[in-house]
C-alpha cells in the first residue's frame, strides 16, 4: 500500500472540525499524517482545535479558498497518495482504505472519490434533501468517472502535481475546482473511479437560499462554461437524460404560464409539462421515499422541480457567459 497523507482544508471550522478529525482517528487505514490547512488563517481557533487532536497545521498567509488551501496541503504532504476530506465531512472507518485500495488496484487510476452517506445530521428539510440527493447522484453514476470530487477523494500526489493542482486563481471560492481538476487528470491519460462504498457523513446545514445560490452560481454556471469550453455534455451523474428531460419540461412549464395568464385560461400546458418533469425525477423521488418515507418524498417534489428550474437557469446564464466571452472582438 502507498503512503497516505490526509489534507483537510478549513476556514472558521472549529465547530465541525472536531468530529471530522475524530472520524479520521477511527480510520481502519491509518494515514501517515493528517494535515489541516487553516485557510486565512481562521479567527475562531480552528488551528488550535486541529493541533489538540494531533493534526499538523499549515496556515496560509491569506484566504486562498478551498482549492488553494488543498494545494498548500499537498505541497506540505509526504504521502504518495493524498486523500482530501472536507472539514465538515466525517469519513466512515473504511472510506480511506477503500479509496486507496482502488488506486493500488490499477496503476492507470490516478484518482478516486466516494459520496456522502444517507445519514446527514441536519434536521431541516433542505439539508436532508440536498445531502440525500448528493448520495443518490453519486451512487447511481458510472464507476468510470468523468470528473473528480474533493469532499472525500484520493489522488496520486505525482499526478496531482503534474496536472498543476487546483486552479485556485480561477476558483478562489468553493466552486467546481475539483471538477475542473478531474478534467485535466483525464486529459493527461489517467483514470478516475467512483468508489460507491467509500462514504462520509456531511455535517452541513443547508438553507434554501444557500442551496439555490450554490447550485446556480457556484456550481451550475461555472460547470456549464467548463462543459461548453470542453465541447461535451456527458450522460452521467446529474447530466443524464432524465435530468435533461426534467430541466426542459420545467422550463416549458414556466414558459407556458404567462400565456395562460394572458388568455385567462387554466394552465393545462404548465401542469402537463410539470407532470413530465415530475416523471423525469420519479427515480429520485422513489429513492427519497425509500430513505425517508413517502410523506418526505411527496414534500420533496416541489423542491426537485425547483432544482430542475435552477439547473436550467444556470445553463442559460453559463451558456450566455460562454458565448459572450468567446465572441470575437470587433
C-alpha atoms as a PDB file:
ATOM      1  CA  UNK A   1       0.000   0.000   0.000  1.00  0.00           C
ATOM      2  CA  UNK A   2       1.274   3.509  -0.769  1.00  0.00           C
ATOM      3  CA  UNK A   3       1.904   6.035   1.976  1.00  0.00           C
ATOM      4  CA  UNK A   4      -1.101   8.262   2.610  1.00  0.00           C
ATOM      5  CA  UNK A   5      -1.495  11.894   3.655  1.00  0.00           C
ATOM      6  CA  UNK A   6      -4.890  13.351   4.506  1.00  0.00           C
ATOM      7  CA  UNK A   7      -5.456  17.025   3.680  1.00  0.00           C
ATOM      8  CA  UNK A   8      -8.352  18.900   5.282  1.00  0.00           C
ATOM      9  CA  UNK A   9      -8.961  22.484   4.080  1.00  0.00           C
ATOM     10  CA  UNK A  10     -10.562  24.522   6.865  1.00  0.00           C
ATOM     11  CA  UNK A  11     -11.761  28.077   7.405  1.00  0.00           C
ATOM     12  CA  UNK A  12     -13.632  29.116  10.547  1.00  0.00           C
ATOM     13  CA  UNK A  13     -14.235  25.389  11.077  1.00  0.00           C
ATOM     14  CA  UNK A  14     -13.834  24.975  14.840  1.00  0.00           C
ATOM     15  CA  UNK A  15     -17.407  23.651  15.166  1.00  0.00           C
ATOM     16  CA  UNK A  16     -17.239  20.923  12.513  1.00  0.00           C
ATOM     17  CA  UNK A  17     -13.542  20.054  12.645  1.00  0.00           C
ATOM     18  CA  UNK A  18     -13.579  18.003  15.892  1.00  0.00           C
ATOM     19  CA  UNK A  19     -15.988  15.318  14.587  1.00  0.00           C
ATOM     20  CA  UNK A  20     -14.154  15.302  11.235  1.00  0.00           C
ATOM     21  CA  UNK A  21     -10.779  14.637  12.885  1.00  0.00           C
ATOM     22  CA  UNK A  22     -12.269  12.195  15.391  1.00  0.00           C
ATOM     23  CA  UNK A  23     -13.664  10.198  12.454  1.00  0.00           C
ATOM     24  CA  UNK A  24     -10.231  10.157  10.798  1.00  0.00           C
ATOM     25  CA  UNK A  25      -8.742   8.886  14.060  1.00  0.00           C
ATOM     26  CA  UNK A  26     -11.079   5.888  13.774  1.00  0.00           C
ATOM     27  CA  UNK A  27      -9.997   5.113  10.211  1.00  0.00           C
ATOM     28  CA  UNK A  28      -9.095   1.471   9.587  1.00  0.00           C
ATOM     29  CA  UNK A  29      -6.320   2.692   7.299  1.00  0.00           C
ATOM     30  CA  UNK A  30      -4.065   4.887   9.411  1.00  0.00           C
ATOM     31  CA  UNK A  31      -2.623   7.702   7.299  1.00  0.00           C
ATOM     32  CA  UNK A  32       0.981   8.780   7.722  1.00  0.00           C
ATOM     33  CA  UNK A  33      -0.204  12.291   8.548  1.00  0.00           C
ATOM     34  CA  UNK A  34      -3.301  14.445   8.789  1.00  0.00           C
ATOM     35  CA  UNK A  35      -2.726  17.996   7.581  1.00  0.00           C
ATOM     36  CA  UNK A  36      -5.272  20.690   8.366  1.00  0.00           C
ATOM     37  CA  UNK A  37      -4.793  23.778   6.219  1.00  0.00           C
ATOM     38  CA  UNK A  38      -6.058  26.748   8.204  1.00  0.00           C
ATOM     39  CA  UNK A  39      -7.046  28.992   5.342  1.00  0.00           C
ATOM     40  CA  UNK A  40      -6.937  32.654   6.232  1.00  0.00           C
ATOM     41  CA  UNK A  41      -5.920  31.822   8.911  1.00  0.00           C
ATOM     42  CA  UNK A  42      -9.163  31.470  10.870  1.00  0.00           C
ATOM     43  CA  UNK A  43     -10.046  33.569  13.897  1.00  0.00           C
ATOM     44  CA  UNK A  44     -12.203  31.005  15.705  1.00  0.00           C
ATOM     45  CA  UNK A  45      -9.464  28.700  16.968  1.00  0.00           C
ATOM     46  CA  UNK A  46      -9.541  26.288  14.028  1.00  0.00           C
ATOM     47  CA  UNK A  47      -5.772  25.778  14.203  1.00  0.00           C
ATOM     48  CA  UNK A  48      -5.813  25.126  17.949  1.00  0.00           C
ATOM     49  CA  UNK A  49      -8.630  22.601  17.575  1.00  0.00           C
ATOM     50  CA  UNK A  50      -6.645  20.759  14.913  1.00  0.00           C
ATOM     51  CA  UNK A  51      -3.416  20.705  16.940  1.00  0.00           C
ATOM     52  CA  UNK A  52      -5.256  19.459  20.025  1.00  0.00           C
ATOM     53  CA  UNK A  53      -6.299  16.407  18.020  1.00  0.00           C
ATOM     54  CA  UNK A  54      -2.829  15.667  16.736  1.00  0.00           C
ATOM     55  CA  UNK A  55      -3.140  17.130  13.253  1.00  0.00           C
ATOM     56  CA  UNK A  56      -0.345  19.017  11.578  1.00  0.00           C
ATOM     57  CA  UNK A  57      -1.465  22.573  10.833  1.00  0.00           C
ATOM     58  CA  UNK A  58      -0.429  24.591   7.796  1.00  0.00           C
ATOM     59  CA  UNK A  59      -1.514  28.244   7.892  1.00  0.00           C
ATOM     60  CA  UNK A  60      -1.958  30.252   4.719  1.00  0.00           C
ATOM     61  CA  UNK A  61      -0.918  33.926   4.809  1.00  0.00           C
ATOM     62  CA  UNK A  62      -4.250  34.979   3.279  1.00  0.00           C
ATOM     63  CA  UNK A  63      -7.559  33.430   2.276  1.00  0.00           C
ATOM     64  CA  UNK A  64      -6.932  31.167  -0.703  1.00  0.00           C
ATOM     65  CA  UNK A  65     -10.216  29.288  -0.909  1.00  0.00           C
ATOM     66  CA  UNK A  66     -10.551  25.505  -0.749  1.00  0.00           C
ATOM     67  CA  UNK A  67      -8.593  24.903  -3.954  1.00  0.00           C
ATOM     68  CA  UNK A  68      -5.638  26.976  -2.859  1.00  0.00           C
ATOM     69  CA  UNK A  69      -5.773  25.516   0.647  1.00  0.00           C
ATOM     70  CA  UNK A  70      -5.658  21.985  -0.738  1.00  0.00           C
ATOM     71  CA  UNK A  71      -2.722  22.965  -2.946  1.00  0.00           C
ATOM     72  CA  UNK A  72      -0.877  24.187   0.141  1.00  0.00           C
ATOM     73  CA  UNK A  73      -1.657  20.939   1.916  1.00  0.00           C
ATOM     74  CA  UNK A  74      -0.358  18.818  -0.945  1.00  0.00           C
ATOM     75  CA  UNK A  75       2.824  20.914  -1.085  1.00  0.00           C
ATOM     76  CA  UNK A  76       3.439  20.070   2.574  1.00  0.00           C
ATOM     77  CA  UNK A  77       2.395  16.417   2.294  1.00  0.00           C
ATOM     78  CA  UNK A  78       4.823  13.496   2.141  1.00  0.00           C
ATOM     79  CA  UNK A  79       2.433  10.703   1.141  1.00  0.00           C
ATOM     80  CA  UNK A  80       2.334   9.089  -2.276  1.00  0.00           C
ATOM     81  CA  UNK A  81      -1.451   9.354  -2.134  1.00  0.00           C
ATOM     82  CA  UNK A  82      -3.318  12.402  -0.835  1.00  0.00           C
ATOM     83  CA  UNK A  83      -6.853  11.968   0.464  1.00  0.00           C
ATOM     84  CA  UNK A  84      -8.885  15.172   0.571  1.00  0.00           C
ATOM     85  CA  UNK A  85     -11.563  15.333   3.255  1.00  0.00           C
ATOM     86  CA  UNK A  86     -13.668  18.443   3.723  1.00  0.00           C
ATOM     87  CA  UNK A  87     -13.747  19.834   7.255  1.00  0.00           C
ATOM     88  CA  UNK A  88     -17.496  19.184   7.517  1.00  0.00           C
ATOM     89  CA  UNK A  89     -17.277  15.534   6.428  1.00  0.00           C
ATOM     90  CA  UNK A  90     -16.917  12.583   8.805  1.00  0.00           C
ATOM     91  CA  UNK A  91     -15.377   9.737   6.799  1.00  0.00           C
ATOM     92  CA  UNK A  92     -16.526   6.246   7.667  1.00  0.00           C
ATOM     93  CA  UNK A  93     -13.822   3.981   9.139  1.00  0.00           C
ATOM     94  CA  UNK A  94     -13.382   2.040   5.888  1.00  0.00           C
ATOM     95  CA  UNK A  95     -13.570   5.006   3.498  1.00  0.00           C
ATOM     96  CA  UNK A  96      -9.861   5.883   3.258  1.00  0.00           C
ATOM     97  CA  UNK A  97      -8.872   2.268   2.800  1.00  0.00           C
ATOM     98  CA  UNK A  98     -11.418   1.725   0.028  1.00  0.00           C
ATOM     99  CA  UNK A  99     -10.190   4.769  -1.892  1.00  0.00           C
ATOM    100  CA  UNK A 100      -6.516   3.865  -1.565  1.00  0.00           C
ATOM    101  CA  UNK A 101      -7.185   0.229  -2.474  1.00  0.00           C
ATOM    102  CA  UNK A 102      -8.851   1.414  -5.691  1.00  0.00           C
ATOM    103  CA  UNK A 103      -5.720   3.350  -6.634  1.00  0.00           C
ATOM    104  CA  UNK A 104      -3.492   0.454  -5.653  1.00  0.00           C
ATOM    105  CA  UNK A 105      -5.508  -1.955  -7.810  1.00  0.00           C
ATOM    106  CA  UNK A 106      -4.663  -0.281 -11.127  1.00  0.00           C
ATOM    107  CA  UNK A 107      -1.707   1.988 -11.804  1.00  0.00           C
ATOM    108  CA  UNK A 108      -3.656   3.839 -14.519  1.00  0.00           C
ATOM    109  CA  UNK A 109      -6.181   5.051 -11.932  1.00  0.00           C
ATOM    110  CA  UNK A 110      -4.918   8.412 -10.680  1.00  0.00           C
ATOM    111  CA  UNK A 111      -7.882   9.470  -8.548  1.00  0.00           C
ATOM    112  CA  UNK A 112     -10.929   8.031  -6.810  1.00  0.00           C
ATOM    113  CA  UNK A 113     -13.786   9.514  -4.830  1.00  0.00           C
ATOM    114  CA  UNK A 114     -16.781   8.434  -2.806  1.00  0.00           C
ATOM    115  CA  UNK A 115     -20.011  10.117  -1.714  1.00  0.00           C
ATOM    116  CA  UNK A 116     -21.998  11.378   1.233  1.00  0.00           C
ATOM    117  CA  UNK A 117     -23.939   8.753   3.134  1.00  0.00           C
ATOM    118  CA  UNK A 118     -27.672   8.686   3.897  1.00  0.00           C
ATOM    119  CA  UNK A 119     -27.349   9.908   7.499  1.00  0.00           C
ATOM    120  CA  UNK A 120     -26.924  13.693   7.353  1.00  0.00           C
ATOM    121  CA  UNK A 121     -27.461  15.165  10.843  1.00  0.00           C
ATOM    122  CA  UNK A 122     -29.041  18.401   9.593  1.00  0.00           C
ATOM    123  CA  UNK A 123     -32.609  18.381  10.848  1.00  0.00           C
ATOM    124  CA  UNK A 124     -34.144  20.866   8.428  1.00  0.00           C
ATOM    125  CA  UNK A 125     -35.820  19.566   5.290  1.00  0.00           C
ATOM    126  CA  UNK A 126     -33.471  21.308   2.847  1.00  0.00           C
ATOM    127  CA  UNK A 127     -30.369  19.738   4.443  1.00  0.00           C
ATOM    128  CA  UNK A 128     -31.908  16.270   4.328  1.00  0.00           C
ATOM    129  CA  UNK A 129     -32.964  16.681   0.693  1.00  0.00           C
ATOM    130  CA  UNK A 130     -29.675  18.146  -0.560  1.00  0.00           C
ATOM    131  CA  UNK A 131     -27.384  15.640   1.137  1.00  0.00           C
ATOM    132  CA  UNK A 132     -29.546  12.658   0.205  1.00  0.00           C
ATOM    133  CA  UNK A 133     -29.617  13.792  -3.422  1.00  0.00           C
ATOM    134  CA  UNK A 134     -25.832  14.099  -3.482  1.00  0.00           C
ATOM    135  CA  UNK A 135     -25.618  10.494  -2.266  1.00  0.00           C
ATOM    136  CA  UNK A 136     -28.163   9.390  -4.847  1.00  0.00           C
ATOM    137  CA  UNK A 137     -26.416  11.048  -7.802  1.00  0.00           C
ATOM    138  CA  UNK A 138     -23.022   9.575  -6.951  1.00  0.00           C
ATOM    139  CA  UNK A 139     -24.419   6.133  -6.183  1.00  0.00           C
ATOM    140  CA  UNK A 140     -26.251   5.814  -9.490  1.00  0.00           C
ATOM    141  CA  UNK A 141     -23.390   7.223 -11.577  1.00  0.00           C
ATOM    142  CA  UNK A 142     -20.914   5.160 -13.554  1.00  0.00           C
ATOM    143  CA  UNK A 143     -17.900   3.850 -11.675  1.00  0.00           C
ATOM    144  CA  UNK A 144     -15.671   5.055 -14.510  1.00  0.00           C
ATOM    145  CA  UNK A 145     -15.939   8.752 -13.739  1.00  0.00           C
ATOM    146  CA  UNK A 146     -15.531  11.789 -15.970  1.00  0.00           C
ATOM    147  CA  UNK A 147     -14.920  14.127 -13.049  1.00  0.00           C
ATOM    148  CA  UNK A 148     -13.443  14.353  -9.549  1.00  0.00           C
ATOM    149  CA  UNK A 149     -14.903  15.261  -6.173  1.00  0.00           C
ATOM    150  CA  UNK A 150     -12.690  16.555  -3.368  1.00  0.00           C
ATOM    151  CA  UNK A 151     -15.150  16.287  -0.482  1.00  0.00           C
ATOM    152  CA  UNK A 152     -13.911  12.727   0.049  1.00  0.00           C
ATOM    153  CA  UNK A 153     -11.471  11.908  -2.717  1.00  0.00           C
ATOM    154  CA  UNK A 154      -7.982  10.485  -3.182  1.00  0.00           C
ATOM    155  CA  UNK A 155      -5.378  11.348  -5.808  1.00  0.00           C
ATOM    156  CA  UNK A 156      -1.857  10.236  -6.583  1.00  0.00           C
ATOM    157  CA  UNK A 157       0.357  13.099  -5.470  1.00  0.00           C
ATOM    158  CA  UNK A 158       2.604  12.826  -8.532  1.00  0.00           C
ATOM    159  CA  UNK A 159      -0.367  13.020 -10.909  1.00  0.00           C
ATOM    160  CA  UNK A 160      -1.825  15.935  -8.949  1.00  0.00           C
ATOM    161  CA  UNK A 161       1.412  17.918  -9.171  1.00  0.00           C
ATOM    162  CA  UNK A 162       1.907  17.044 -12.842  1.00  0.00           C
ATOM    163  CA  UNK A 163      -1.592  18.372 -13.600  1.00  0.00           C
ATOM    164  CA  UNK A 164      -0.832  21.625 -11.770  1.00  0.00           C
ATOM    165  CA  UNK A 165      -3.167  21.115  -8.814  1.00  0.00           C
ATOM    166  CA  UNK A 166      -6.385  23.034  -8.300  1.00  0.00           C
ATOM    167  CA  UNK A 167      -6.880  26.238 -10.268  1.00  0.00           C
ATOM    168  CA  UNK A 168      -7.180  28.497  -7.230  1.00  0.00           C
ATOM    169  CA  UNK A 169      -6.910  31.668  -9.314  1.00  0.00           C
ATOM    170  CA  UNK A 170      -9.920  30.785 -11.428  1.00  0.00           C
ATOM    171  CA  UNK A 171     -11.884  29.381  -8.476  1.00  0.00           C
ATOM    172  CA  UNK A 172     -10.996  31.415  -5.367  1.00  0.00           C
ATOM    173  CA  UNK A 173     -14.159  30.304  -3.529  1.00  0.00           C
ATOM    174  CA  UNK A 174     -15.928  26.923  -3.232  1.00  0.00           C
ATOM    175  CA  UNK A 175     -16.984  26.053  -6.764  1.00  0.00           C
ATOM    176  CA  UNK A 176     -16.091  23.426  -9.360  1.00  0.00           C
ATOM    177  CA  UNK A 177     -12.337  23.452  -8.760  1.00  0.00           C
ATOM    178  CA  UNK A 178     -12.403  19.675  -8.234  1.00  0.00           C
ATOM    179  CA  UNK A 179     -14.428  19.027 -11.403  1.00  0.00           C
ATOM    180  CA  UNK A 180     -12.019  21.130 -13.446  1.00  0.00           C
ATOM    181  CA  UNK A 181      -9.024  19.292 -11.982  1.00  0.00           C
ATOM    182  CA  UNK A 182     -10.667  15.983 -12.862  1.00  0.00           C
ATOM    183  CA  UNK A 183     -10.864  17.030 -16.493  1.00  0.00           C
ATOM    184  CA  UNK A 184      -7.149  17.779 -16.598  1.00  0.00           C
ATOM    185  CA  UNK A 185      -6.297  14.469 -14.934  1.00  0.00           C
ATOM    186  CA  UNK A 186      -8.318  12.624 -17.581  1.00  0.00           C
ATOM    187  CA  UNK A 187      -6.793  14.568 -20.463  1.00  0.00           C
ATOM    188  CA  UNK A 188      -3.362  13.638 -19.131  1.00  0.00           C
ATOM    189  CA  UNK A 189      -4.281   9.980 -19.636  1.00  0.00           C
ATOM    190  CA  UNK A 190      -5.337   8.971 -16.142  1.00  0.00           C
ATOM    191  CA  UNK A 191      -8.496   7.229 -14.988  1.00  0.00           C
ATOM    192  CA  UNK A 192     -10.829   8.351 -12.208  1.00  0.00           C
ATOM    193  CA  UNK A 193     -13.080   5.928 -10.345  1.00  0.00           C
ATOM    194  CA  UNK A 194     -16.164   6.318  -8.173  1.00  0.00           C
ATOM    195  CA  UNK A 195     -15.898   4.076  -5.115  1.00  0.00           C
ATOM    196  CA  UNK A 196     -19.512   3.950  -4.034  1.00  0.00           C
ATOM    197  CA  UNK A 197     -18.826   2.172  -0.750  1.00  0.00           C
ATOM    198  CA  UNK A 198     -16.453   4.945   0.401  1.00  0.00           C
ATOM    199  CA  UNK A 199     -18.814   7.277   2.210  1.00  0.00           C
ATOM    200  CA  UNK A 200     -18.859  10.049   4.769  1.00  0.00           C
ATOM    201  CA  UNK A 201     -21.441  11.996   6.731  1.00  0.00           C
ATOM    202  CA  UNK A 202     -21.926  15.604   5.650  1.00  0.00           C
ATOM    203  CA  UNK A 203     -22.420  17.925   8.622  1.00  0.00           C
ATOM    204  CA  UNK A 204     -23.502  20.995   6.676  1.00  0.00           C
ATOM    205  CA  UNK A 205     -26.849  22.601   7.430  1.00  0.00           C
ATOM    206  CA  UNK A 206     -28.283  23.914   4.170  1.00  0.00           C
ATOM    207  CA  UNK A 207     -30.709  26.802   3.885  1.00  0.00           C
ATOM    208  CA  UNK A 208     -32.971  27.148   0.864  1.00  0.00           C
ATOM    209  CA  UNK A 209     -31.371  30.411  -0.253  1.00  0.00           C
ATOM    210  CA  UNK A 210     -27.886  28.985   0.291  1.00  0.00           C
ATOM    211  CA  UNK A 211     -28.770  25.914  -1.745  1.00  0.00           C
ATOM    212  CA  UNK A 212     -30.123  27.961  -4.648  1.00  0.00           C
ATOM    213  CA  UNK A 213     -27.136  30.311  -4.637  1.00  0.00           C
ATOM    214  CA  UNK A 214     -24.649  27.426  -4.535  1.00  0.00           C
ATOM    215  CA  UNK A 215     -26.380  25.298  -7.170  1.00  0.00           C
ATOM    216  CA  UNK A 216     -26.773  28.151  -9.632  1.00  0.00           C
ATOM    217  CA  UNK A 217     -23.807  30.471  -9.228  1.00  0.00           C
ATOM    218  CA  UNK A 218     -21.117  28.362  -7.541  1.00  0.00           C
ATOM    219  CA  UNK A 219     -21.755  25.105  -9.383  1.00  0.00           C
ATOM    220  CA  UNK A 220     -24.183  25.280 -12.301  1.00  0.00           C
ATOM    221  CA  UNK A 221     -22.967  28.386 -14.114  1.00  0.00           C
ATOM    222  CA  UNK A 222     -19.216  27.658 -13.968  1.00  0.00           C
ATOM    223  CA  UNK A 223     -19.826  23.983 -14.783  1.00  0.00           C
ATOM    224  CA  UNK A 224     -21.826  24.963 -17.867  1.00  0.00           C
ATOM    225  CA  UNK A 225     -18.999  27.218 -19.001  1.00  0.00           C
ATOM    226  CA  UNK A 226     -16.487  24.427 -18.416  1.00  0.00           C
ATOM    227  CA  UNK A 227     -18.565  21.855 -20.313  1.00  0.00           C
ATOM    228  CA  UNK A 228     -19.138  24.144 -23.287  1.00  0.00           C
ATOM    229  CA  UNK A 229     -15.463  25.049 -23.479  1.00  0.00           C
ATOM    230  CA  UNK A 230     -14.548  21.353 -23.460  1.00  0.00           C
ATOM    231  CA  UNK A 231     -17.133  20.576 -26.136  1.00  0.00           C
ATOM    232  CA  UNK A 232     -19.103  17.794 -24.467  1.00  0.00           C
ATOM    233  CA  UNK A 233     -22.076  17.022 -22.193  1.00  0.00           C
ATOM    234  CA  UNK A 234     -21.510  13.557 -20.703  1.00  0.00           C
ATOM    235  CA  UNK A 235     -24.558  11.405 -19.998  1.00  0.00           C
ATOM    236  CA  UNK A 236     -23.738  10.730 -16.349  1.00  0.00           C
ATOM    237  CA  UNK A 237     -24.285  11.964 -12.804  1.00  0.00           C
ATOM    238  CA  UNK A 238     -26.669  14.943 -12.845  1.00  0.00           C
ATOM    239  CA  UNK A 239     -26.193  15.439 -16.583  1.00  0.00           C
ATOM    240  CA  UNK A 240     -28.081  12.268 -17.542  1.00  0.00           C
ATOM    241  CA  UNK A 241     -31.036  12.031 -19.937  1.00  0.00           C
ATOM    242  CA  UNK A 242     -33.701  12.049 -17.220  1.00  0.00           C
ATOM    243  CA  UNK A 243     -32.208  15.196 -15.727  1.00  0.00           C
ATOM    244  CA  UNK A 244     -32.155  16.912 -19.104  1.00  0.00           C
ATOM    245  CA  UNK A 245     -35.785  15.989 -19.745  1.00  0.00           C
ATOM    246  CA  UNK A 246     -36.728  17.308 -16.306  1.00  0.00           C
ATOM    247  CA  UNK A 247     -34.935  20.600 -16.927  1.00  0.00           C
ATOM    248  CA  UNK A 248     -36.529  21.060 -20.360  1.00  0.00           C
ATOM    249  CA  UNK A 249     -40.030  20.175 -19.139  1.00  0.00           C
ATOM    250  CA  UNK A 250     -39.773  22.509 -16.148  1.00  0.00           C
ATOM    251  CA  UNK A 251     -38.623  25.301 -18.433  1.00  0.00           C
ATOM    252  CA  UNK A 252     -41.585  24.716 -20.759  1.00  0.00           C
ATOM    253  CA  UNK A 253     -43.947  24.676 -17.783  1.00  0.00           C
ATOM    254  CA  UNK A 254     -42.672  28.048 -16.602  1.00  0.00           C
ATOM    255  CA  UNK A 255     -42.647  29.483 -20.115  1.00  0.00           C
ATOM    256  CA  UNK A 256     -46.272  28.488 -20.745  1.00  0.00           C
ATOM    257  CA  UNK A 257     -47.626  30.151 -17.601  1.00  0.00           C
ATOM    258  CA  UNK A 258     -47.639  33.755 -18.931  1.00  0.00           C
ATOM    259  CA  UNK A 259     -49.697  32.688 -21.961  1.00  0.00           C
ATOM    260  CA  UNK A 260     -52.316  31.078 -19.739  1.00  0.00           C
ATOM    261  CA  UNK A 261     -52.464  34.159 -17.537  1.00  0.00           C
ATOM    262  CA  UNK A 262     -52.687  36.489 -20.528  1.00  0.00           C
ATOM    263  CA  UNK A 263     -55.560  34.476 -22.027  1.00  0.00           C
ATOM    264  CA  UNK A 264     -57.181  33.930 -18.631  1.00  0.00           C
ATOM    265  CA  UNK A 265     -57.245  30.189 -19.181  1.00  0.00           C
ATOM    266  CA  UNK A 266     -56.442  27.326 -16.854  1.00  0.00           C
ATOM    267  CA  UNK A 267     -52.713  26.457 -17.158  1.00  0.00           C
ATOM    268  CA  UNK A 268     -53.178  22.977 -18.602  1.00  0.00           C
ATOM    269  CA  UNK A 269     -49.927  23.161 -20.553  1.00  0.00           C
ATOM    270  CA  UNK A 270     -47.964  24.169 -17.467  1.00  0.00           C
ATOM    271  CA  UNK A 271     -49.486  21.299 -15.489  1.00  0.00           C
ATOM    272  CA  UNK A 272     -48.713  18.859 -18.293  1.00  0.00           C
ATOM    273  CA  UNK A 273     -45.058  19.866 -18.523  1.00  0.00           C
ATOM    274  CA  UNK A 274     -44.739  19.913 -14.710  1.00  0.00           C
ATOM    275  CA  UNK A 275     -46.076  16.346 -14.688  1.00  0.00           C
ATOM    276  CA  UNK A 276     -43.494  15.361 -17.317  1.00  0.00           C
ATOM    277  CA  UNK A 277     -40.746  16.916 -15.176  1.00  0.00           C
ATOM    278  CA  UNK A 278     -42.014  15.094 -12.090  1.00  0.00           C
ATOM    279  CA  UNK A 279     -41.972  11.867 -14.074  1.00  0.00           C
ATOM    280  CA  UNK A 280     -38.393  12.518 -15.136  1.00  0.00           C
ATOM    281  CA  UNK A 281     -37.477  12.892 -11.471  1.00  0.00           C
ATOM    282  CA  UNK A 282     -39.533   9.922 -10.298  1.00  0.00           C
ATOM    283  CA  UNK A 283     -36.446   7.753  -9.780  1.00  0.00           C
ATOM    284  CA  UNK A 284     -35.034  10.320  -7.329  1.00  0.00           C
ATOM    285  CA  UNK A 285     -38.389  10.710  -5.599  1.00  0.00           C
ATOM    286  CA  UNK A 286     -38.647   6.933  -5.212  1.00  0.00           C
ATOM    287  CA  UNK A 287     -35.180   6.903  -3.659  1.00  0.00           C
ATOM    288  CA  UNK A 288     -36.208   9.579  -1.170  1.00  0.00           C
ATOM    289  CA  UNK A 289     -39.305   7.556  -0.320  1.00  0.00           C
ATOM    290  CA  UNK A 290     -37.171   4.507   0.427  1.00  0.00           C
ATOM    291  CA  UNK A 291     -34.945   6.573   2.668  1.00  0.00           C
ATOM    292  CA  UNK A 292     -37.419   8.840   4.474  1.00  0.00           C
ATOM    293  CA  UNK A 293     -40.905   7.655   3.582  1.00  0.00           C
ATOM    294  CA  UNK A 294     -43.495   8.823   1.090  1.00  0.00           C
ATOM    295  CA  UNK A 295     -44.528  11.880   3.106  1.00  0.00           C
ATOM    296  CA  UNK A 296     -40.979  13.222   2.803  1.00  0.00           C
ATOM    297  CA  UNK A 297     -40.779  12.256  -0.880  1.00  0.00           C
ATOM    298  CA  UNK A 298     -44.040  14.000  -1.809  1.00  0.00           C
ATOM    299  CA  UNK A 299     -42.920  17.089   0.052  1.00  0.00           C
ATOM    300  CA  UNK A 300     -39.661  16.980  -1.937  1.00  0.00           C
ATOM    301  CA  UNK A 301     -41.370  17.138  -5.350  1.00  0.00           C
ATOM    302  CA  UNK A 302     -41.638  20.981  -5.451  1.00  0.00           C
ATOM    303  CA  UNK A 303     -38.028  21.278  -4.320  1.00  0.00           C
ATOM    304  CA  UNK A 304     -36.957  18.808  -7.009  1.00  0.00           C
ATOM    305  CA  UNK A 305     -38.828  20.784  -9.661  1.00  0.00           C
ATOM    306  CA  UNK A 306     -37.099  23.900  -8.343  1.00  0.00           C
ATOM    307  CA  UNK A 307     -33.804  22.031  -8.751  1.00  0.00           C
ATOM    308  CA  UNK A 308     -34.653  21.403 -12.418  1.00  0.00           C
ATOM    309  CA  UNK A 309     -35.552  25.083 -12.822  1.00  0.00           C
ATOM    310  CA  UNK A 310     -32.330  26.319 -11.253  1.00  0.00           C
ATOM    311  CA  UNK A 311     -30.338  23.871 -13.398  1.00  0.00           C
ATOM    312  CA  UNK A 312     -31.975  25.345 -16.489  1.00  0.00           C
ATOM    313  CA  UNK A 313     -31.317  28.884 -15.295  1.00  0.00           C
ATOM    314  CA  UNK A 314     -27.683  28.027 -14.565  1.00  0.00           C
ATOM    315  CA  UNK A 315     -27.281  26.538 -18.038  1.00  0.00           C
ATOM    316  CA  UNK A 316     -28.732  29.614 -19.736  1.00  0.00           C
ATOM    317  CA  UNK A 317     -26.584  32.005 -17.703  1.00  0.00           C
ATOM    318  CA  UNK A 318     -23.469  29.882 -18.179  1.00  0.00           C
ATOM    319  CA  UNK A 319     -24.077  29.485 -21.905  1.00  0.00           C
ATOM    320  CA  UNK A 320     -24.615  33.212 -22.261  1.00  0.00           C
ATOM    321  CA  UNK A 321     -21.391  33.996 -20.424  1.00  0.00           C
ATOM    322  CA  UNK A 322     -19.511  31.394 -22.501  1.00  0.00           C
ATOM    323  CA  UNK A 323     -20.645  32.738 -25.858  1.00  0.00           C
ATOM    324  CA  UNK A 324     -20.221  36.386 -24.891  1.00  0.00           C
ATOM    325  CA  UNK A 325     -16.688  35.749 -23.704  1.00  0.00           C
ATOM    326  CA  UNK A 326     -15.957  33.565 -26.711  1.00  0.00           C
ATOM    327  CA  UNK A 327     -17.295  36.038 -29.267  1.00  0.00           C
ATOM    328  CA  UNK A 328     -14.554  37.581 -31.445  1.00  0.00           C
ATOM    329  CA  UNK A 329     -13.734  41.217 -30.769  1.00  0.00           C
ATOM    330  CA  UNK A 330     -14.614  43.685 -33.471  1.00  0.00           C
END
